[in-house]
């Protein structure tokens, strides 16, 4: 699975934990401050039978930090 810090297997419903998924739409907006963002995802995932379930929605929050060398990194925040 790609992006294991954002989509850890234990956070997915059991039917999707070992399945494939695809992002259908995404938008990111500032979340109150310049260094915080919320990403709204619309995604589809296959169930154990291989059928895609469309239109699932998730919100993910990120915080931007700057490294000592000046590079920016977006860090996913725990789900609430």
PDB file of N, CA and C in Angstrom:
ATOM      1  N   UNK A   1       0.848  -1.178   0.000  1.00  0.00           N
ATOM      2  CA  UNK A   1       0.000   0.000   0.000  1.00  0.00           C
ATOM      3  C   UNK A   1       0.889   1.235   0.000  1.00  0.00           C
ATOM      4  N   UNK A   2       0.533   2.222  -0.783  1.00  0.00           N
ATOM      5  CA  UNK A   2       1.271   3.471  -0.803  1.00  0.00           C
ATOM      6  C   UNK A   2       0.828   4.361   0.340  1.00  0.00           C
ATOM      7  N   UNK A   3       1.673   5.281   0.732  1.00  0.00           N
ATOM      8  CA  UNK A   3       1.411   6.245   1.798  1.00  0.00           C
ATOM      9  C   UNK A   3       1.009   5.542   3.100  1.00  0.00           C
ATOM     10  N   UNK A   4       1.847   4.665   3.634  1.00  0.00           N
ATOM     11  CA  UNK A   4       1.450   3.901   4.836  1.00  0.00           C
ATOM     12  C   UNK A   4       1.201   4.770   6.062  1.00  0.00           C
ATOM     13  N   UNK A   5       1.779   5.979   6.116  1.00  0.00           N
ATOM     14  CA  UNK A   5       1.539   6.842   7.273  1.00  0.00           C
ATOM     15  C   UNK A   5       0.170   7.512   7.186  1.00  0.00           C
ATOM     16  N   UNK A   6      -0.339   7.671   5.980  1.00  0.00           N
ATOM     17  CA  UNK A   6      -1.637   8.300   5.795  1.00  0.00           C
ATOM     18  C   UNK A   6      -2.746   7.258   5.783  1.00  0.00           C
ATOM     19  N   UNK A   7      -2.485   6.106   5.181  1.00  0.00           N
ATOM     20  CA  UNK A   7      -3.475   5.050   5.072  1.00  0.00           C
ATOM     21  C   UNK A   7      -2.982   3.775   5.764  1.00  0.00           C
ATOM     22  N   UNK A   8      -2.783   3.802   7.088  1.00  0.00           N
ATOM     23  CA  UNK A   8      -2.344   2.565   7.752  1.00  0.00           C
ATOM     24  C   UNK A   8      -3.429   1.504   7.652  1.00  0.00           C
ATOM     25  N   UNK A   9      -3.010   0.271   7.458  1.00  0.00           N
ATOM     26  CA  UNK A   9      -3.978  -0.825   7.276  1.00  0.00           C
ATOM     27  C   UNK A   9      -4.945  -0.927   8.440  1.00  0.00           C
ATOM     28  N   UNK A  10      -4.472  -0.653   9.668  1.00  0.00           N
ATOM     29  CA  UNK A  10      -5.359  -0.799  10.826  1.00  0.00           C
ATOM     30  C   UNK A  10      -6.451   0.266  10.876  1.00  0.00           C
ATOM     31  N   UNK A  11      -6.329   1.340  10.081  1.00  0.00           N
ATOM     32  CA  UNK A  11      -7.360   2.370  10.091  1.00  0.00           C
ATOM     33  C   UNK A  11      -8.453   2.096   9.064  1.00  0.00           C
ATOM     34  N   UNK A  12      -8.244   1.117   8.203  1.00  0.00           N
ATOM     35  CA  UNK A  12      -9.224   0.793   7.174  1.00  0.00           C
ATOM     36  C   UNK A  12     -10.182  -0.271   7.676  1.00  0.00           C
ATOM     37  N   UNK A  13     -11.390  -0.244   7.147  1.00  0.00           N
ATOM     38  CA  UNK A  13     -12.348  -1.297   7.466  1.00  0.00           C
ATOM     39  C   UNK A  13     -11.752  -2.630   7.011  1.00  0.00           C
ATOM     40  N   UNK A  14     -12.037  -3.729   7.716  1.00  0.00           N
ATOM     41  CA  UNK A  14     -11.434  -5.019   7.364  1.00  0.00           C
ATOM     42  C   UNK A  14     -11.600  -5.397   5.893  1.00  0.00           C
ATOM     43  N   UNK A  15     -12.714  -5.038   5.285  1.00  0.00           N
ATOM     44  CA  UNK A  15     -12.927  -5.390   3.880  1.00  0.00           C
ATOM     45  C   UNK A  15     -11.959  -4.674   2.952  1.00  0.00           C
ATOM     46  N   UNK A  16     -11.392  -3.532   3.396  1.00  0.00           N
ATOM     47  CA  UNK A  16     -10.494  -2.762   2.540  1.00  0.00           C
ATOM     48  C   UNK A  16      -9.027  -2.904   2.928  1.00  0.00           C
ATOM     49  N   UNK A  17      -8.728  -3.552   4.045  1.00  0.00           N
ATOM     50  CA  UNK A  17      -7.362  -3.577   4.571  1.00  0.00           C
ATOM     51  C   UNK A  17      -6.360  -4.200   3.611  1.00  0.00           C
ATOM     52  N   UNK A  18      -6.747  -5.212   2.860  1.00  0.00           N
ATOM     53  CA  UNK A  18      -5.816  -5.841   1.924  1.00  0.00           C
ATOM     54  C   UNK A  18      -6.234  -5.601   0.489  1.00  0.00           C
ATOM     55  N   UNK A  19      -7.175  -4.721   0.274  1.00  0.00           N
ATOM     56  CA  UNK A  19      -7.720  -4.475  -1.050  1.00  0.00           C
ATOM     57  C   UNK A  19      -7.032  -3.295  -1.726  1.00  0.00           C
ATOM     58  N   UNK A  20      -7.383  -3.096  -2.972  1.00  0.00           N
ATOM     59  CA  UNK A  20      -6.886  -1.945  -3.729  1.00  0.00           C
ATOM     60  C   UNK A  20      -7.858  -0.781  -3.552  1.00  0.00           C
ATOM     61  N   UNK A  21      -7.333   0.416  -3.705  1.00  0.00           N
ATOM     62  CA  UNK A  21      -8.209   1.573  -3.670  1.00  0.00           C
ATOM     63  C   UNK A  21      -7.705   2.601  -4.663  1.00  0.00           C
ATOM     64  N   UNK A  22      -8.572   3.540  -5.002  1.00  0.00           N
ATOM     65  CA  UNK A  22      -8.194   4.620  -5.913  1.00  0.00           C
ATOM     66  C   UNK A  22      -8.810   5.913  -5.411  1.00  0.00           C
ATOM     67  N   UNK A  23      -8.078   6.979  -5.580  1.00  0.00           N
ATOM     68  CA  UNK A  23      -8.568   8.311  -5.231  1.00  0.00           C
ATOM     69  C   UNK A  23      -9.404   8.806  -6.399  1.00  0.00           C
ATOM     70  N   UNK A  24     -10.626   9.238  -6.125  1.00  0.00           N
ATOM     71  CA  UNK A  24     -11.514   9.742  -7.164  1.00  0.00           C
ATOM     72  C   UNK A  24     -11.476  11.259  -7.244  1.00  0.00           C
ATOM     73  N   UNK A  25     -11.281  11.919  -6.114  1.00  0.00           N
ATOM     74  CA  UNK A  25     -11.203  13.381  -6.079  1.00  0.00           C
ATOM     75  C   UNK A  25     -10.519  13.792  -4.790  1.00  0.00           C
ATOM     76  N   UNK A  26      -9.864  14.928  -4.813  1.00  0.00           N
ATOM     77  CA  UNK A  26      -9.206  15.445  -3.609  1.00  0.00           C
ATOM     78  C   UNK A  26      -9.145  16.960  -3.686  1.00  0.00           C
ATOM     79  N   UNK A  27      -9.239  17.583  -2.532  1.00  0.00           N
ATOM     80  CA  UNK A  27      -9.064  19.024  -2.419  1.00  0.00           C
ATOM     81  C   UNK A  27      -8.423  19.290  -1.056  1.00  0.00           C
ATOM     82  N   UNK A  28      -7.514  20.233  -1.017  1.00  0.00           N
ATOM     83  CA  UNK A  28      -6.857  20.601   0.237  1.00  0.00           C
ATOM     84  C   UNK A  28      -7.144  22.064   0.529  1.00  0.00           C
ATOM     85  N   UNK A  29      -7.387  22.346   1.788  1.00  0.00           N
ATOM     86  CA  UNK A  29      -7.649  23.724   2.224  1.00  0.00           C
ATOM     87  C   UNK A  29      -6.884  24.000   3.501  1.00  0.00           C
ATOM     88  N   UNK A  30      -6.614  25.269   3.733  1.00  0.00           N
ATOM     89  CA  UNK A  30      -6.003  25.688   4.990  1.00  0.00           C
ATOM     90  C   UNK A  30      -6.941  25.322   6.133  1.00  0.00           C
ATOM     91  N   UNK A  31      -6.353  24.894   7.234  1.00  0.00           N
ATOM     92  CA  UNK A  31      -7.142  24.472   8.392  1.00  0.00           C
ATOM     93  C   UNK A  31      -6.886  25.406   9.565  1.00  0.00           C
ATOM     94  N   UNK A  32      -7.200  26.673   9.380  1.00  0.00           N
ATOM     95  CA  UNK A  32      -7.086  27.646  10.459  1.00  0.00           C
ATOM     96  C   UNK A  32      -5.764  28.389  10.542  1.00  0.00           C
ATOM     97  N   UNK A  33      -4.689  27.817  10.059  1.00  0.00           N
ATOM     98  CA  UNK A  33      -3.374  28.459  10.119  1.00  0.00           C
ATOM     99  C   UNK A  33      -2.603  28.102   8.848  1.00  0.00           C
ATOM    100  N   UNK A  34      -1.570  28.880   8.555  1.00  0.00           N
ATOM    101  CA  UNK A  34      -0.814  28.657   7.311  1.00  0.00           C
ATOM    102  C   UNK A  34      -0.057  27.328   7.305  1.00  0.00           C
ATOM    103  N   UNK A  35       0.191  26.751   8.456  1.00  0.00           N
ATOM    104  CA  UNK A  35       0.955  25.506   8.522  1.00  0.00           C
ATOM    105  C   UNK A  35       0.076  24.275   8.791  1.00  0.00           C
ATOM    106  N   UNK A  36      -1.242  24.423   8.639  1.00  0.00           N
ATOM    107  CA  UNK A  36      -2.155  23.298   8.814  1.00  0.00           C
ATOM    108  C   UNK A  36      -3.078  23.204   7.609  1.00  0.00           C
ATOM    109  N   UNK A  37      -3.363  21.968   7.194  1.00  0.00           N
ATOM    110  CA  UNK A  37      -4.254  21.753   6.052  1.00  0.00           C
ATOM    111  C   UNK A  37      -5.152  20.561   6.331  1.00  0.00           C
ATOM    112  N   UNK A  38      -6.317  20.604   5.719  1.00  0.00           N
ATOM    113  CA  UNK A  38      -7.215  19.456   5.741  1.00  0.00           C
ATOM    114  C   UNK A  38      -7.408  19.041   4.285  1.00  0.00           C
ATOM    115  N   UNK A  39      -7.272  17.750   4.030  1.00  0.00           N
ATOM    116  CA  UNK A  39      -7.435  17.201   2.690  1.00  0.00           C
ATOM    117  C   UNK A  39      -8.701  16.360   2.700  1.00  0.00           C
ATOM    118  N   UNK A  40      -9.612  16.687   1.796  1.00  0.00           N
ATOM    119  CA  UNK A  40     -10.861  15.943   1.652  1.00  0.00           C
ATOM    120  C   UNK A  40     -10.680  14.980   0.476  1.00  0.00           C
ATOM    121  N   UNK A  41     -10.819  13.695   0.736  1.00  0.00           N
ATOM    122  CA  UNK A  41     -10.667  12.678  -0.298  1.00  0.00           C
ATOM    123  C   UNK A  41     -11.993  11.997  -0.572  1.00  0.00           C
ATOM    124  N   UNK A  42     -12.252  11.762  -1.830  1.00  0.00           N
ATOM    125  CA  UNK A  42     -13.329  10.869  -2.243  1.00  0.00           C
ATOM    126  C   UNK A  42     -12.610   9.699  -2.892  1.00  0.00           C
ATOM    127  N   UNK A  43     -12.885   8.492  -2.400  1.00  0.00           N
ATOM    128  CA  UNK A  43     -12.127   7.347  -2.878  1.00  0.00           C
ATOM    129  C   UNK A  43     -13.019   6.137  -3.064  1.00  0.00           C
ATOM    130  N   UNK A  44     -12.490   5.168  -3.776  1.00  0.00           N
ATOM    131  CA  UNK A  44     -13.164   3.890  -3.984  1.00  0.00           C
ATOM    132  C   UNK A  44     -12.202   2.790  -3.594  1.00  0.00           C
ATOM    133  N   UNK A  45     -12.736   1.723  -3.054  1.00  0.00           N
ATOM    134  CA  UNK A  45     -11.913   0.580  -2.675  1.00  0.00           C
ATOM    135  C   UNK A  45     -12.590  -0.702  -3.081  1.00  0.00           C
ATOM    136  N   UNK A  46     -11.772  -1.725  -3.337  1.00  0.00           N
ATOM    137  CA  UNK A  46     -12.355  -3.018  -3.688  1.00  0.00           C
ATOM    138  C   UNK A  46     -12.656  -3.810  -2.426  1.00  0.00           C
ATOM    139  N   UNK A  47     -13.757  -4.521  -2.466  1.00  0.00           N
ATOM    140  CA  UNK A  47     -14.041  -5.431  -1.365  1.00  0.00           C
ATOM    141  C   UNK A  47     -13.333  -6.759  -1.637  1.00  0.00           C
ATOM    142  N   UNK A  48     -13.538  -7.729  -0.793  1.00  0.00           N
ATOM    143  CA  UNK A  48     -12.847  -9.016  -0.959  1.00  0.00           C
ATOM    144  C   UNK A  48     -13.213  -9.715  -2.263  1.00  0.00           C
ATOM    145  N   UNK A  49     -14.369  -9.383  -2.804  1.00  0.00           N
ATOM    146  CA  UNK A  49     -14.790  -9.978  -4.069  1.00  0.00           C
ATOM    147  C   UNK A  49     -14.269  -9.242  -5.289  1.00  0.00           C
ATOM    148  N   UNK A  50     -13.573  -8.106  -5.076  1.00  0.00           N
ATOM    149  CA  UNK A  50     -13.007  -7.342  -6.187  1.00  0.00           C
ATOM    150  C   UNK A  50     -13.910  -6.250  -6.731  1.00  0.00           C
ATOM    151  N   UNK A  51     -15.056  -6.007  -6.089  1.00  0.00           N
ATOM    152  CA  UNK A  51     -15.983  -4.970  -6.536  1.00  0.00           C
ATOM    153  C   UNK A  51     -15.610  -3.638  -5.908  1.00  0.00           C
ATOM    154  N   UNK A  52     -15.516  -2.581  -6.751  1.00  0.00           N
ATOM    155  CA  UNK A  52     -15.222  -1.252  -6.221  1.00  0.00           C
ATOM    156  C   UNK A  52     -16.461  -0.664  -5.557  1.00  0.00           C
ATOM    157  N   UNK A  53     -16.280  -0.062  -4.400  1.00  0.00           N
ATOM    158  CA  UNK A  53     -17.313   0.719  -3.736  1.00  0.00           C
ATOM    159  C   UNK A  53     -16.909   2.172  -3.889  1.00  0.00           C
ATOM    160  N   UNK A  54     -17.691   2.945  -4.647  1.00  0.00           N
ATOM    161  CA  UNK A  54     -17.371   4.342  -4.955  1.00  0.00           C
ATOM    162  C   UNK A  54     -17.900   5.290  -3.888  1.00  0.00           C
ATOM    163  N   UNK A  55     -17.374   6.507  -3.908  1.00  0.00           N
ATOM    164  CA  UNK A  55     -17.930   7.603  -3.136  1.00  0.00           C
ATOM    165  C   UNK A  55     -17.652   7.593  -1.650  1.00  0.00           C
ATOM    166  N   UNK A  56     -16.627   6.884  -1.213  1.00  0.00           N
ATOM    167  CA  UNK A  56     -16.272   6.926   0.210  1.00  0.00           C
ATOM    168  C   UNK A  56     -15.541   8.241   0.460  1.00  0.00           C
ATOM    169  N   UNK A  57     -15.776   8.864   1.597  1.00  0.00           N
ATOM    170  CA  UNK A  57     -15.212  10.180   1.899  1.00  0.00           C
ATOM    171  C   UNK A  57     -14.368  10.095   3.166  1.00  0.00           C
ATOM    172  N   UNK A  58     -13.201  10.723   3.125  1.00  0.00           N
ATOM    173  CA  UNK A  58     -12.319  10.790   4.298  1.00  0.00           C
ATOM    174  C   UNK A  58     -11.696  12.170   4.373  1.00  0.00           C
ATOM    175  N   UNK A  59     -11.464  12.649   5.581  1.00  0.00           N
ATOM    176  CA  UNK A  59     -10.738  13.899   5.810  1.00  0.00           C
ATOM    177  C   UNK A  59      -9.431  13.567   6.511  1.00  0.00           C
ATOM    178  N   UNK A  60      -8.342  14.139   6.027  1.00  0.00           N
ATOM    179  CA  UNK A  60      -7.015  13.925   6.601  1.00  0.00           C
ATOM    180  C   UNK A  60      -6.420  15.274   6.927  1.00  0.00           C
ATOM    181  N   UNK A  61      -5.842  15.415   8.093  1.00  0.00           N
ATOM    182  CA  UNK A  61      -5.234  16.678   8.522  1.00  0.00           C
ATOM    183  C   UNK A  61      -3.718  16.547   8.525  1.00  0.00           C
ATOM    184  N   UNK A  62      -3.057  17.613   8.088  1.00  0.00           N
ATOM    185  CA  UNK A  62      -1.603  17.649   7.989  1.00  0.00           C
ATOM    186  C   UNK A  62      -1.074  18.924   8.632  1.00  0.00           C
ATOM    187  N   UNK A  63       0.138  18.851   9.148  1.00  0.00           N
ATOM    188  CA  UNK A  63       0.849  20.016   9.674  1.00  0.00           C
ATOM    189  C   UNK A  63       2.151  20.158   8.902  1.00  0.00           C
ATOM    190  N   UNK A  64       2.465  21.375   8.481  1.00  0.00           N
ATOM    191  CA  UNK A  64       3.702  21.624   7.743  1.00  0.00           C
ATOM    192  C   UNK A  64       4.786  22.060   8.706  1.00  0.00           C
ATOM    193  N   UNK A  65       5.938  21.428   8.595  1.00  0.00           N
ATOM    194  CA  UNK A  65       7.106  21.817   9.372  1.00  0.00           C
ATOM    195  C   UNK A  65       8.232  22.119   8.396  1.00  0.00           C
ATOM    196  N   UNK A  66       9.177  22.897   8.851  1.00  0.00           N
ATOM    197  CA  UNK A  66      10.324  23.251   8.030  1.00  0.00           C
ATOM    198  C   UNK A  66      11.570  22.648   8.650  1.00  0.00           C
ATOM    199  N   UNK A  67      12.363  21.973   7.822  1.00  0.00           N
ATOM    200  CA  UNK A  67      13.595  21.359   8.305  1.00  0.00           C
ATOM    201  C   UNK A  67      14.656  22.438   8.488  1.00  0.00           C
ATOM    202  N   UNK A  68      15.729  22.132   9.208  1.00  0.00           N
ATOM    203  CA  UNK A  68      16.805  23.116   9.381  1.00  0.00           C
ATOM    204  C   UNK A  68      17.397  23.604   8.059  1.00  0.00           C
ATOM    205  N   UNK A  69      17.290  22.791   7.017  1.00  0.00           N
ATOM    206  CA  UNK A  69      17.816  23.194   5.704  1.00  0.00           C
ATOM    207  C   UNK A  69      16.798  23.986   4.891  1.00  0.00           C
ATOM    208  N   UNK A  70      15.616  24.233   5.451  1.00  0.00           N
ATOM    209  CA  UNK A  70      14.613  25.064   4.794  1.00  0.00           C
ATOM    210  C   UNK A  70      13.587  24.316   3.961  1.00  0.00           C
ATOM    211  N   UNK A  71      13.645  22.996   3.928  1.00  0.00           N
ATOM    212  CA  UNK A  71      12.661  22.219   3.169  1.00  0.00           C
ATOM    213  C   UNK A  71      11.376  22.062   3.994  1.00  0.00           C
ATOM    214  N   UNK A  72      10.249  22.093   3.309  1.00  0.00           N
ATOM    215  CA  UNK A  72       8.957  21.910   3.980  1.00  0.00           C
ATOM    216  C   UNK A  72       8.521  20.460   3.900  1.00  0.00           C
ATOM    217  N   UNK A  73       7.917  19.979   4.985  1.00  0.00           N
ATOM    218  CA  UNK A  73       7.395  18.618   5.043  1.00  0.00           C
ATOM    219  C   UNK A  73       5.983  18.671   5.619  1.00  0.00           C
ATOM    220  N   UNK A  74       5.063  17.982   4.960  1.00  0.00           N
ATOM    221  CA  UNK A  74       3.697  17.873   5.467  1.00  0.00           C
ATOM    222  C   UNK A  74       3.579  16.554   6.214  1.00  0.00           C
ATOM    223  N   UNK A  75       3.234  16.628   7.492  1.00  0.00           N
ATOM    224  CA  UNK A  75       3.140  15.453   8.347  1.00  0.00           C
ATOM    225  C   UNK A  75       1.683  15.146   8.646  1.00  0.00           C
ATOM    226  N   UNK A  76       1.222  13.907   8.347  1.00  0.00           N
ATOM    227  CA  UNK A  76      -0.168  13.563   8.673  1.00  0.00           C
ATOM    228  C   UNK A  76      -0.385  13.551  10.177  1.00  0.00           C
ATOM    229  N   UNK A  77      -1.546  14.020  10.597  1.00  0.00           N
ATOM    230  CA  UNK A  77      -1.900  14.060  12.012  1.00  0.00           C
ATOM    231  C   UNK A  77      -2.797  12.869  12.334  1.00  0.00           C
ATOM    232  N   UNK A  78      -2.798  12.436  13.582  1.00  0.00           N
ATOM    233  CA  UNK A  78      -3.662  11.300  13.955  1.00  0.00           C
ATOM    234  C   UNK A  78      -5.122  11.614  13.690  1.00  0.00           C
ATOM    235  N   UNK A  79      -5.871  10.580  13.315  1.00  0.00           N
ATOM    236  CA  UNK A  79      -7.307  10.736  13.099  1.00  0.00           C
ATOM    237  C   UNK A  79      -7.986  10.948  14.442  1.00  0.00           C
ATOM    238  N   UNK A  80      -9.002  11.799  14.453  1.00  0.00           N
ATOM    239  CA  UNK A  80      -9.763  12.045  15.672  1.00  0.00           C
ATOM    240  C   UNK A  80     -11.159  11.502  15.554  1.00  0.00           C
TER     241      UNK A  80
END
